[in-house]
Amino acid sequence: MKRYGFIVCLLTLFMIFNISTVSANTVDRGQLLYENHCGGCHDSKAHLRGERLVENLVDLSKQVIRWQYAQKLDWQYDEVIQVMRYLNKEFYQFSLPSQ
């Protein structure tokens, strides 16, 4: 379990400092990954409900990592980041750090 927390921290830091360099291809890849692997259970209402689990970028990273492990997707870190970018752009619009 300690390893899981360490991985979440690393991915979150990576995502926060690199998220502002999103290209159209990256967002498209994140959208495809999400729709193919997550969209069957999650419609847009899951991200827009009042009592949502995601309140910031760290929460978003935790949820993406949690569910990719639960679904045994074995995503690489860049795929996790791409899905996080897509979800943030599409649903959450959390402020991104400026570089």
C-alpha atoms as a PDB file:
ATOM      1  CA  MET A   1       0.000   0.000   0.000  1.00  0.00           C
ATOM      2  CA  LYS A   2       2.927   2.347   0.634  1.00  0.00           C
ATOM      3  CA  ARG A   3       4.047   1.841  -2.952  1.00  0.00           C
ATOM      4  CA  TYR A   4       0.607   2.884  -4.204  1.00  0.00           C
ATOM      5  CA  GLY A   5       0.802   6.155  -2.256  1.00  0.00           C
ATOM      6  CA  PHE A   6       4.291   6.843  -3.562  1.00  0.00           C
ATOM      7  CA  ILE A   7       3.170   6.253  -7.144  1.00  0.00           C
ATOM      8  CA  VAL A   8       0.173   8.567  -6.660  1.00  0.00           C
ATOM      9  CA  CYS A   9       2.454  11.328  -5.355  1.00  0.00           C
ATOM     10  CA  LEU A  10       4.913  10.969  -8.227  1.00  0.00           C
ATOM     11  CA  LEU A  11       2.243  10.940 -10.895  1.00  0.00           C
ATOM     12  CA  THR A  12       0.467  13.894  -9.333  1.00  0.00           C
ATOM     13  CA  LEU A  13       3.635  15.968  -9.273  1.00  0.00           C
ATOM     14  CA  PHE A  14       4.444  14.987 -12.836  1.00  0.00           C
ATOM     15  CA  MET A  15       0.953  15.809 -14.011  1.00  0.00           C
ATOM     16  CA  ILE A  16       0.769  19.174 -12.221  1.00  0.00           C
ATOM     17  CA  PHE A  17       4.046  20.397 -13.675  1.00  0.00           C
ATOM     18  CA  ASN A  18       3.425  19.065 -17.172  1.00  0.00           C
ATOM     19  CA  ILE A  19      -0.306  19.465 -17.662  1.00  0.00           C
ATOM     20  CA  SER A  20      -0.094  22.913 -19.213  1.00  0.00           C
ATOM     21  CA  THR A  21       1.699  21.508 -22.260  1.00  0.00           C
ATOM     22  CA  VAL A  22      -1.348  19.630 -23.534  1.00  0.00           C
ATOM     23  CA  SER A  23      -1.529  19.005 -27.251  1.00  0.00           C
ATOM     24  CA  ALA A  24      -4.638  18.061 -29.184  1.00  0.00           C
ATOM     25  CA  ASN A  25      -3.246  14.551 -29.725  1.00  0.00           C
ATOM     26  CA  THR A  26      -2.697  14.051 -25.997  1.00  0.00           C
ATOM     27  CA  VAL A  27      -6.252  15.045 -25.144  1.00  0.00           C
ATOM     28  CA  ASP A  28      -7.591  12.860 -27.931  1.00  0.00           C
ATOM     29  CA  ARG A  29      -5.593   9.884 -26.586  1.00  0.00           C
ATOM     30  CA  GLY A  30      -6.860  10.517 -23.055  1.00  0.00           C
ATOM     31  CA  GLN A  31     -10.410  10.708 -24.321  1.00  0.00           C
ATOM     32  CA  LEU A  32     -10.052   7.439 -26.232  1.00  0.00           C
ATOM     33  CA  LEU A  33      -8.571   5.656 -23.218  1.00  0.00           C
ATOM     34  CA  TYR A  34     -11.346   6.968 -20.984  1.00  0.00           C
ATOM     35  CA  GLU A  35     -14.158   6.135 -23.382  1.00  0.00           C
ATOM     36  CA  ASN A  36     -12.824   2.640 -24.103  1.00  0.00           C
ATOM     37  CA  HIS A  37     -12.027   1.621 -20.541  1.00  0.00           C
ATOM     38  CA  CYS A  38     -14.108   3.818 -18.232  1.00  0.00           C
ATOM     39  CA  GLY A  39     -17.069   5.076 -20.215  1.00  0.00           C
ATOM     40  CA  GLY A  40     -19.028   1.852 -19.803  1.00  0.00           C
ATOM     41  CA  CYS A  41     -19.538   2.576 -16.108  1.00  0.00           C
ATOM     42  CA  HIS A  42     -19.054   6.348 -16.015  1.00  0.00           C
ATOM     43  CA  ASP A  43     -21.227   8.729 -17.915  1.00  0.00           C
ATOM     44  CA  SER A  44     -20.738  12.478 -17.524  1.00  0.00           C
ATOM     45  CA  LYS A  45     -23.013  12.485 -14.460  1.00  0.00           C
ATOM     46  CA  ALA A  46     -20.314  10.707 -12.454  1.00  0.00           C
ATOM     47  CA  HIS A  47     -18.121  13.790 -12.809  1.00  0.00           C
ATOM     48  CA  LEU A  48     -20.812  16.384 -12.322  1.00  0.00           C
ATOM     49  CA  ARG A  49     -22.655  15.094  -9.252  1.00  0.00           C
ATOM     50  CA  GLY A  50     -22.870  17.335  -6.206  1.00  0.00           C
ATOM     51  CA  GLU A  51     -21.002  15.106  -3.773  1.00  0.00           C
ATOM     52  CA  ARG A  52     -18.111  14.174  -6.026  1.00  0.00           C
ATOM     53  CA  LEU A  53     -14.880  12.638  -4.797  1.00  0.00           C
ATOM     54  CA  VAL A  54     -12.659  14.886  -6.892  1.00  0.00           C
ATOM     55  CA  GLU A  55     -12.114  18.380  -5.523  1.00  0.00           C
ATOM     56  CA  ASN A  56      -8.634  19.143  -6.927  1.00  0.00           C
ATOM     57  CA  LEU A  57      -5.889  17.803  -9.199  1.00  0.00           C
ATOM     58  CA  VAL A  58      -4.496  15.518  -6.497  1.00  0.00           C
ATOM     59  CA  ASP A  59      -7.914  13.917  -5.978  1.00  0.00           C
ATOM     60  CA  LEU A  60      -8.250  13.491  -9.736  1.00  0.00           C
ATOM     61  CA  SER A  61      -4.914  11.706  -9.950  1.00  0.00           C
ATOM     62  CA  LYS A  62      -5.841   9.416  -7.062  1.00  0.00           C
ATOM     63  CA  GLN A  63      -9.102   8.388  -8.692  1.00  0.00           C
ATOM     64  CA  VAL A  64      -7.611   7.731 -12.138  1.00  0.00           C
ATOM     65  CA  ILE A  65      -4.792   5.669 -10.610  1.00  0.00           C
ATOM     66  CA  ARG A  66      -7.177   3.852  -8.279  1.00  0.00           C
ATOM     67  CA  TRP A  67      -9.523   2.778 -11.041  1.00  0.00           C
ATOM     68  CA  GLN A  68      -6.868   1.825 -13.558  1.00  0.00           C
ATOM     69  CA  TYR A  69      -5.435  -0.521 -10.896  1.00  0.00           C
ATOM     70  CA  ALA A  70      -8.894  -1.834  -9.986  1.00  0.00           C
ATOM     71  CA  GLN A  71      -9.618  -2.578 -13.645  1.00  0.00           C
ATOM     72  CA  LYS A  72      -6.150  -4.097 -14.162  1.00  0.00           C
ATOM     73  CA  LEU A  73      -5.509  -1.791 -17.108  1.00  0.00           C
ATOM     74  CA  ASP A  74      -1.745  -1.635 -16.530  1.00  0.00           C
ATOM     75  CA  TRP A  75      -1.540   1.860 -17.995  1.00  0.00           C
ATOM     76  CA  GLN A  76       1.832   3.534 -18.292  1.00  0.00           C
ATOM     77  CA  TYR A  77       2.279   6.826 -16.449  1.00  0.00           C
ATOM     78  CA  ASP A  78       1.796   8.848 -19.642  1.00  0.00           C
ATOM     79  CA  GLU A  79      -1.562   7.160 -20.249  1.00  0.00           C
ATOM     80  CA  VAL A  80      -2.695   8.006 -16.716  1.00  0.00           C
ATOM     81  CA  ILE A  81      -1.631  11.618 -17.295  1.00  0.00           C
ATOM     82  CA  GLN A  82      -3.483  11.744 -20.610  1.00  0.00           C
ATOM     83  CA  VAL A  83      -6.727  10.544 -19.020  1.00  0.00           C
ATOM     84  CA  MET A  84      -6.295  13.041 -16.184  1.00  0.00           C
ATOM     85  CA  ARG A  85      -5.763  15.842 -18.706  1.00  0.00           C
ATOM     86  CA  TYR A  86      -8.855  14.832 -20.628  1.00  0.00           C
ATOM     87  CA  LEU A  87     -11.025  14.669 -17.499  1.00  0.00           C
ATOM     88  CA  ASN A  88      -9.750  18.004 -16.246  1.00  0.00           C
ATOM     89  CA  LYS A  89     -10.381  19.672 -19.607  1.00  0.00           C
ATOM     90  CA  GLU A  90     -13.792  18.096 -20.117  1.00  0.00           C
ATOM     91  CA  PHE A  91     -15.307  18.151 -16.615  1.00  0.00           C
ATOM     92  CA  TYR A  92     -13.294  19.742 -13.837  1.00  0.00           C
ATOM     93  CA  GLN A  93     -11.389  22.769 -15.188  1.00  0.00           C
ATOM     94  CA  PHE A  94      -9.079  22.954 -12.175  1.00  0.00           C
ATOM     95  CA  SER A  95      -6.564  25.772 -12.308  1.00  0.00           C
ATOM     96  CA  LEU A  96      -3.248  24.696 -13.677  1.00  0.00           C
ATOM     97  CA  PRO A  97       0.063  25.971 -12.326  1.00  0.00           C
ATOM     98  CA  SER A  98       1.778  28.415 -14.623  1.00  0.00           C
ATOM     99  CA  GLN A  99       5.257  27.562 -15.825  1.00  0.00           C
END
